[in-house]
All heavy atoms as atom14 arrays in JSON, in Angstrom:
{
  "sequence": "YKTVNIYSFSLSSWHRITERLDQYISAGRVNDY",
  "atom14_mask": [
    [1, 1, 1, 1, 1, 1, 1, 1, 1, 1, 1, 1, 0, 0],
    [1, 1, 1, 1, 1, 1, 1, 1, 1, 0, 0, 0, 0, 0],
    [1, 1, 1, 1, 1, 1, 1, 0, 0, 0, 0, 0, 0, 0],
    [1, 1, 1, 1, 1, 1, 1, 0, 0, 0, 0, 0, 0, 0],
    [1, 1, 1, 1, 1, 1, 1, 1, 0, 0, 0, 0, 0, 0],
    [1, 1, 1, 1, 1, 1, 1, 1, 0, 0, 0, 0, 0, 0],
    [1, 1, 1, 1, 1, 1, 1, 1, 1, 1, 1, 1, 0, 0],
    [1, 1, 1, 1, 1, 1, 0, 0, 0, 0, 0, 0, 0, 0],
    [1, 1, 1, 1, 1, 1, 1, 1, 1, 1, 1, 0, 0, 0],
    [1, 1, 1, 1, 1, 1, 0, 0, 0, 0, 0, 0, 0, 0],
    [1, 1, 1, 1, 1, 1, 1, 1, 0, 0, 0, 0, 0, 0],
    [1, 1, 1, 1, 1, 1, 0, 0, 0, 0, 0, 0, 0, 0],
    [1, 1, 1, 1, 1, 1, 0, 0, 0, 0, 0, 0, 0, 0],
    [1, 1, 1, 1, 1, 1, 1, 1, 1, 1, 1, 1, 1, 1],
    [1, 1, 1, 1, 1, 1, 1, 1, 1, 1, 0, 0, 0, 0],
    [1, 1, 1, 1, 1, 1, 1, 1, 1, 1, 1, 0, 0, 0],
    [1, 1, 1, 1, 1, 1, 1, 1, 0, 0, 0, 0, 0, 0],
    [1, 1, 1, 1, 1, 1, 1, 0, 0, 0, 0, 0, 0, 0],
    [1, 1, 1, 1, 1, 1, 1, 1, 1, 0, 0, 0, 0, 0],
    [1, 1, 1, 1, 1, 1, 1, 1, 1, 1, 1, 0, 0, 0],
    [1, 1, 1, 1, 1, 1, 1, 1, 0, 0, 0, 0, 0, 0],
    [1, 1, 1, 1, 1, 1, 1, 1, 0, 0, 0, 0, 0, 0],
    [1, 1, 1, 1, 1, 1, 1, 1, 1, 0, 0, 0, 0, 0],
    [1, 1, 1, 1, 1, 1, 1, 1, 1, 1, 1, 1, 0, 0],
    [1, 1, 1, 1, 1, 1, 1, 1, 0, 0, 0, 0, 0, 0],
    [1, 1, 1, 1, 1, 1, 0, 0, 0, 0, 0, 0, 0, 0],
    [1, 1, 1, 1, 1, 0, 0, 0, 0, 0, 0, 0, 0, 0],
    [1, 1, 1, 1, 0, 0, 0, 0, 0, 0, 0, 0, 0, 0],
    [1, 1, 1, 1, 1, 1, 1, 1, 1, 1, 1, 0, 0, 0],
    [1, 1, 1, 1, 1, 1, 1, 0, 0, 0, 0, 0, 0, 0],
    [1, 1, 1, 1, 1, 1, 1, 1, 0, 0, 0, 0, 0, 0],
    [1, 1, 1, 1, 1, 1, 1, 1, 0, 0, 0, 0, 0, 0],
    [1, 1, 1, 1, 1, 1, 1, 1, 1, 1, 1, 1, 0, 0]
  ],
  "atom14_positions": [
    [[-11.0, -27.04, 0.48], [-9.96, -26.9, -0.47], [-8.92, -25.83, -0.04], [-9.4, -24.83, 0.46], [-10.46, -26.54, -1.9], [-11.42, -27.66, -2.42], [-12.71, -27.52, -2.09], [-10.91, -28.65, -3.24], [-13.63, -28.58, -2.56], [-11.81, -29.63, -3.7], [-13.2, -29.6, -3.39], [-14.02, -30.48, -3.88], [0.0, 0.0, 0.0], [0.0, 0.0, 0.0]],
    [[-7.63, -26.09, -0.23], [-6.64, -25.16, 0.06], [-6.67, -24.05, -1.01], [-6.61, -24.36, -2.18], [-5.29, -25.88, 0.18], [-4.16, -24.89, 0.34], [-4.01, -24.29, 1.69], [-2.79, -23.38, 1.91], [-2.86, -22.19, 1.08], [0.0, 0.0, 0.0], [0.0, 0.0, 0.0], [0.0, 0.0, 0.0], [0.0, 0.0, 0.0], [0.0, 0.0, 0.0]],
    [[-6.48, -22.86, -0.58], [-6.37, -21.72, -1.57], [-4.87, -21.73, -1.98], [-3.91, -21.92, -1.19], [-6.66, -20.36, -0.99], [-5.87, -20.11, 0.25], [-8.13, -20.28, -0.49], [0.0, 0.0, 0.0], [0.0, 0.0, 0.0], [0.0, 0.0, 0.0], [0.0, 0.0, 0.0], [0.0, 0.0, 0.0], [0.0, 0.0, 0.0], [0.0, 0.0, 0.0]],
    [[-4.61, -21.61, -3.23], [-3.2, -21.67, -3.78], [-2.61, -20.24, -3.92], [-1.44, -20.15, -4.3], [-3.28, -22.42, -5.17], [-1.82, -22.53, -5.8], [-3.82, -23.78, -5.02], [0.0, 0.0, 0.0], [0.0, 0.0, 0.0], [0.0, 0.0, 0.0], [0.0, 0.0, 0.0], [0.0, 0.0, 0.0], [0.0, 0.0, 0.0], [0.0, 0.0, 0.0]],
    [[-3.36, -19.24, -3.57], [-2.81, -17.83, -3.61], [-2.55, -17.33, -5.01], [-1.61, -16.57, -5.27], [-1.59, -17.66, -2.7], [-1.87, -17.84, -1.21], [-2.99, -17.66, -0.77], [-0.89, -18.33, -0.51], [0.0, 0.0, 0.0], [0.0, 0.0, 0.0], [0.0, 0.0, 0.0], [0.0, 0.0, 0.0], [0.0, 0.0, 0.0], [0.0, 0.0, 0.0]],
    [[-3.46, -17.75, -5.95], [-3.54, -17.27, -7.27], [-4.98, -16.94, -7.5], [-5.91, -17.76, -7.41], [-2.97, -18.22, -8.39], [-1.49, -18.63, -8.06], [-3.04, -17.55, -9.69], [-0.92, -19.55, -9.09], [0.0, 0.0, 0.0], [0.0, 0.0, 0.0], [0.0, 0.0, 0.0], [0.0, 0.0, 0.0], [0.0, 0.0, 0.0], [0.0, 0.0, 0.0]],
    [[-5.34, -15.71, -7.92], [-6.74, -15.26, -8.19], [-6.64, -14.48, -9.48], [-5.62, -13.89, -9.88], [-7.14, -14.32, -7.01], [-7.13, -14.86, -5.65], [-5.96, -15.0, -4.85], [-8.33, -15.36, -5.17], [-6.04, -15.48, -3.67], [-8.32, -15.84, -3.82], [-7.15, -15.97, -3.01], [-7.2, -16.35, -1.84], [0.0, 0.0, 0.0], [0.0, 0.0, 0.0]],
    [[-7.87, -14.47, -10.13], [-7.99, -13.46, -11.25], [-9.22, -12.67, -10.97], [-10.26, -13.17, -10.26], [-8.2, -14.22, -12.57], [-9.39, -15.01, -12.61], [0.0, 0.0, 0.0], [0.0, 0.0, 0.0], [0.0, 0.0, 0.0], [0.0, 0.0, 0.0], [0.0, 0.0, 0.0], [0.0, 0.0, 0.0], [0.0, 0.0, 0.0], [0.0, 0.0, 0.0]],
    [[-9.23, -11.44, -11.27], [-10.31, -10.55, -11.05], [-10.81, -9.73, -12.22], [-9.96, -9.22, -12.99], [-9.94, -9.52, -9.9], [-9.63, -10.09, -8.62], [-8.35, -10.15, -8.08], [-10.63, -10.81, -7.87], [-8.1, -10.72, -6.86], [-10.28, -11.43, -6.71], [-9.08, -11.34, -6.18], [0.0, 0.0, 0.0], [0.0, 0.0, 0.0], [0.0, 0.0, 0.0]],
    [[-12.05, -9.55, -12.43], [-12.63, -8.71, -13.49], [-12.43, -7.21, -12.9], [-12.08, -6.99, -11.66], [-14.13, -8.96, -13.69], [-14.82, -8.71, -12.46], [0.0, 0.0, 0.0], [0.0, 0.0, 0.0], [0.0, 0.0, 0.0], [0.0, 0.0, 0.0], [0.0, 0.0, 0.0], [0.0, 0.0, 0.0], [0.0, 0.0, 0.0], [0.0, 0.0, 0.0]],
    [[-12.6, -6.31, -13.78], [-12.39, -4.88, -13.35], [-13.48, -4.48, -12.32], [-13.23, -3.71, -11.44], [-12.48, -3.96, -14.58], [-12.1, -2.46, -14.26], [-10.79, -2.26, -13.61], [-12.24, -1.75, -15.64], [0.0, 0.0, 0.0], [0.0, 0.0, 0.0], [0.0, 0.0, 0.0], [0.0, 0.0, 0.0], [0.0, 0.0, 0.0], [0.0, 0.0, 0.0]],
    [[-14.72, -4.92, -12.54], [-15.77, -4.6, -11.59], [-15.51, -5.2, -10.22], [-15.76, -4.55, -9.26], [-17.12, -5.05, -12.1], [-17.11, -6.43, -12.5], [0.0, 0.0, 0.0], [0.0, 0.0, 0.0], [0.0, 0.0, 0.0], [0.0, 0.0, 0.0], [0.0, 0.0, 0.0], [0.0, 0.0, 0.0], [0.0, 0.0, 0.0], [0.0, 0.0, 0.0]],
    [[-15.05, -6.41, -10.19], [-14.71, -7.04, -8.88], [-13.56, -6.26, -8.22], [-13.63, -6.0, -7.08], [-14.31, -8.43, -9.04], [-15.41, -9.27, -9.47], [0.0, 0.0, 0.0], [0.0, 0.0, 0.0], [0.0, 0.0, 0.0], [0.0, 0.0, 0.0], [0.0, 0.0, 0.0], [0.0, 0.0, 0.0], [0.0, 0.0, 0.0], [0.0, 0.0, 0.0]],
    [[-12.56, -5.85, -9.05], [-11.41, -5.17, -8.56], [-11.81, -3.85, -7.9], [-11.38, -3.4, -6.77], [-10.39, -4.97, -9.54], [-9.16, -4.07, -9.24], [-8.65, -3.06, -9.89], [-8.31, -4.34, -8.11], [-7.51, -2.62, -9.35], [-7.26, -3.33, -8.18], [-8.35, -5.19, -6.98], [-6.19, -3.2, -7.3], [-7.33, -5.03, -5.98], [-6.24, -4.03, -6.23]],
    [[-12.84, -3.15, -8.49], [-13.33, -1.84, -8.0], [-13.96, -2.1, -6.66], [-13.82, -1.24, -5.7], [-14.34, -1.22, -8.92], [-13.62, -0.5, -10.15], [-14.32, -0.32, -11.25], [-12.33, -0.24, -10.41], [-13.48, 0.37, -12.08], [-12.3, 0.29, -11.6], [0.0, 0.0, 0.0], [0.0, 0.0, 0.0], [0.0, 0.0, 0.0], [0.0, 0.0, 0.0]],
    [[-14.73, -3.19, -6.55], [-15.44, -3.41, -5.2], [-14.38, -3.87, -4.18], [-14.47, -3.51, -2.99], [-16.43, -4.55, -5.46], [-17.71, -4.15, -6.22], [-18.81, -5.14, -6.15], [-18.38, -6.4, -6.67], [-18.55, -6.77, -7.92], [-19.0, -5.9, -8.83], [-18.29, -8.03, -8.29], [0.0, 0.0, 0.0], [0.0, 0.0, 0.0], [0.0, 0.0, 0.0]],
    [[-13.33, -4.61, -4.63], [-12.31, -5.0, -3.69], [-11.56, -3.78, -3.12], [-11.31, -3.62, -1.95], [-11.39, -5.99, -4.32], [-12.06, -7.38, -4.54], [-10.05, -6.21, -3.46], [-11.26, -8.32, -5.41], [0.0, 0.0, 0.0], [0.0, 0.0, 0.0], [0.0, 0.0, 0.0], [0.0, 0.0, 0.0], [0.0, 0.0, 0.0], [0.0, 0.0, 0.0]],
    [[-11.18, -2.85, -4.02], [-10.44, -1.69, -3.6], [-11.31, -0.8, -2.6], [-10.69, -0.17, -1.66], [-9.94, -0.86, -4.86], [-11.07, -0.37, -5.59], [-8.97, -1.67, -5.56], [0.0, 0.0, 0.0], [0.0, 0.0, 0.0], [0.0, 0.0, 0.0], [0.0, 0.0, 0.0], [0.0, 0.0, 0.0], [0.0, 0.0, 0.0], [0.0, 0.0, 0.0]],
    [[-12.55, -0.69, -2.79], [-13.39, -0.02, -1.85], [-13.34, -0.61, -0.54], [-13.28, 0.13, 0.51], [-14.82, 0.01, -2.39], [-15.12, 0.86, -3.62], [-16.49, 0.84, -4.06], [-17.34, 0.08, -3.42], [-16.76, 1.41, -5.18], [0.0, 0.0, 0.0], [0.0, 0.0, 0.0], [0.0, 0.0, 0.0], [0.0, 0.0, 0.0], [0.0, 0.0, 0.0]],
    [[-13.36, -1.89, -0.49], [-13.31, -2.64, 0.81], [-11.85, -2.58, 1.49], [-11.75, -2.37, 2.69], [-13.67, -4.06, 0.63], [-14.11, -4.83, 1.94], [-15.41, -4.27, 2.53], [-16.53, -4.43, 1.56], [-17.35, -5.45, 1.63], [-17.27, -6.45, 2.44], [-18.36, -5.55, 0.69], [0.0, 0.0, 0.0], [0.0, 0.0, 0.0], [0.0, 0.0, 0.0]],
    [[-10.84, -2.63, 0.56], [-9.55, -2.42, 1.07], [-9.32, -1.02, 1.76], [-8.68, -0.91, 2.75], [-8.53, -2.64, 0.0], [-8.36, -4.03, -0.58], [-7.41, -4.05, -1.83], [-7.73, -4.94, 0.42], [0.0, 0.0, 0.0], [0.0, 0.0, 0.0], [0.0, 0.0, 0.0], [0.0, 0.0, 0.0], [0.0, 0.0, 0.0], [0.0, 0.0, 0.0]],
    [[-9.87, -0.05, 1.12], [-9.81, 1.36, 1.6], [-10.37, 1.41, 3.05], [-9.76, 2.08, 3.88], [-10.57, 2.29, 0.73], [-9.84, 2.69, -0.48], [-8.59, 2.57, -0.54], [-10.46, 3.17, -1.51], [0.0, 0.0, 0.0], [0.0, 0.0, 0.0], [0.0, 0.0, 0.0], [0.0, 0.0, 0.0], [0.0, 0.0, 0.0], [0.0, 0.0, 0.0]],
    [[-11.51, 0.73, 3.27], [-12.05, 0.66, 4.58], [-11.06, 0.04, 5.57], [-11.05, 0.52, 6.78], [-13.4, -0.05, 4.51], [-14.44, 0.62, 3.63], [-15.71, -0.23, 3.46], [-15.91, -1.24, 4.23], [-16.5, 0.06, 2.54], [0.0, 0.0, 0.0], [0.0, 0.0, 0.0], [0.0, 0.0, 0.0], [0.0, 0.0, 0.0], [0.0, 0.0, 0.0]],
    [[-10.58, -1.07, 5.2], [-9.65, -1.81, 6.14], [-8.4, -0.88, 6.48], [-7.99, -0.81, 7.62], [-9.22, -3.1, 5.56], [-10.11, -4.2, 5.81], [-11.37, -4.22, 5.36], [-9.69, -5.29, 6.66], [-12.23, -5.28, 5.62], [-10.53, -6.4, 6.94], [-11.82, -6.35, 6.44], [-12.7, -7.45, 6.7], [0.0, 0.0, 0.0], [0.0, 0.0, 0.0]],
    [[-7.81, -0.39, 5.4], [-6.5, 0.41, 5.64], [-6.9, 1.65, 6.4], [-6.14, 2.1, 7.32], [-5.84, 0.82, 4.33], [-5.6, -0.45, 3.5], [-4.68, 1.62, 4.52], [-4.68, -1.45, 4.26], [0.0, 0.0, 0.0], [0.0, 0.0, 0.0], [0.0, 0.0, 0.0], [0.0, 0.0, 0.0], [0.0, 0.0, 0.0], [0.0, 0.0, 0.0]],
    [[-7.96, 2.31, 6.18], [-8.38, 3.48, 6.92], [-8.61, 3.16, 8.41], [-8.39, 4.01, 9.25], [-9.69, 4.1, 6.34], [-9.48, 4.6, 5.01], [0.0, 0.0, 0.0], [0.0, 0.0, 0.0], [0.0, 0.0, 0.0], [0.0, 0.0, 0.0], [0.0, 0.0, 0.0], [0.0, 0.0, 0.0], [0.0, 0.0, 0.0], [0.0, 0.0, 0.0]],
    [[-9.07, 1.99, 8.64], [-9.28, 1.5, 10.04], [-7.93, 1.05, 10.66], [-7.96, 0.56, 11.8], [-10.32, 0.45, 10.05], [0.0, 0.0, 0.0], [0.0, 0.0, 0.0], [0.0, 0.0, 0.0], [0.0, 0.0, 0.0], [0.0, 0.0, 0.0], [0.0, 0.0, 0.0], [0.0, 0.0, 0.0], [0.0, 0.0, 0.0], [0.0, 0.0, 0.0]],
    [[-6.91, 1.13, 10.0], [-5.59, 0.78, 10.51], [-5.36, -0.82, 10.55], [-4.35, -1.27, 11.09], [0.0, 0.0, 0.0], [0.0, 0.0, 0.0], [0.0, 0.0, 0.0], [0.0, 0.0, 0.0], [0.0, 0.0, 0.0], [0.0, 0.0, 0.0], [0.0, 0.0, 0.0], [0.0, 0.0, 0.0], [0.0, 0.0, 0.0], [0.0, 0.0, 0.0]],
    [[-6.09, -1.53, 9.7], [-5.95, -2.99, 9.67], [-4.97, -3.32, 8.64], [-5.22, -4.11, 7.72], [-7.34, -3.64, 9.43], [-8.29, -3.32, 10.61], [-9.63, -3.96, 10.33], [-9.63, -5.46, 10.34], [-10.69, -6.21, 10.26], [-11.82, -5.69, 10.22], [-10.5, -7.58, 10.18], [0.0, 0.0, 0.0], [0.0, 0.0, 0.0], [0.0, 0.0, 0.0]],
    [[-3.78, -2.9, 8.76], [-2.67, -3.16, 7.81], [-1.95, -4.5, 7.97], [-1.2, -4.87, 7.05], [-1.63, -1.95, 7.81], [-2.26, -0.7, 7.45], [-0.95, -1.92, 9.17], [0.0, 0.0, 0.0], [0.0, 0.0, 0.0], [0.0, 0.0, 0.0], [0.0, 0.0, 0.0], [0.0, 0.0, 0.0], [0.0, 0.0, 0.0], [0.0, 0.0, 0.0]],
    [[-2.27, -5.17, 9.01], [-1.71, -6.46, 9.28], [-2.59, -7.67, 9.04], [-2.2, -8.75, 9.34], [-1.09, -6.5, 10.69], [0.21, -5.85, 10.84], [1.24, -6.17, 10.04], [0.28, -4.78, 11.67], [0.0, 0.0, 0.0], [0.0, 0.0, 0.0], [0.0, 0.0, 0.0], [0.0, 0.0, 0.0], [0.0, 0.0, 0.0], [0.0, 0.0, 0.0]],
    [[-3.78, -7.34, 8.42], [-4.64, -8.49, 8.04], [-4.12, -9.07, 6.81], [-3.32, -8.54, 6.08], [-6.06, -7.92, 7.85], [-6.83, -7.68, 9.18], [-6.24, -7.91, 10.2], [-8.01, -7.27, 9.08], [0.0, 0.0, 0.0], [0.0, 0.0, 0.0], [0.0, 0.0, 0.0], [0.0, 0.0, 0.0], [0.0, 0.0, 0.0], [0.0, 0.0, 0.0]],
    [[-4.63, -10.29, 6.48], [-4.48, -10.95, 5.15], [-5.58, -10.58, 4.24], [-6.65, -10.31, 4.63], [-4.41, -12.42, 5.33], [-3.28, -12.95, 6.08], [-3.37, -13.28, 7.52], [-2.01, -13.12, 5.48], [-2.27, -13.8, 8.14], [-0.91, -13.66, 6.15], [-1.09, -13.94, 7.56], [0.01, -14.49, 8.25], [0.0, 0.0, 0.0], [0.0, 0.0, 0.0]]
  ]
}
């Protein structure tokens, strides 16, 4: 299935996502999707 680029997140999921985003940005991976 094609992703339509609309998502919803609970607060707990968002906290886990931001932790992972921090890791990517700290590693310089600013051009990833």
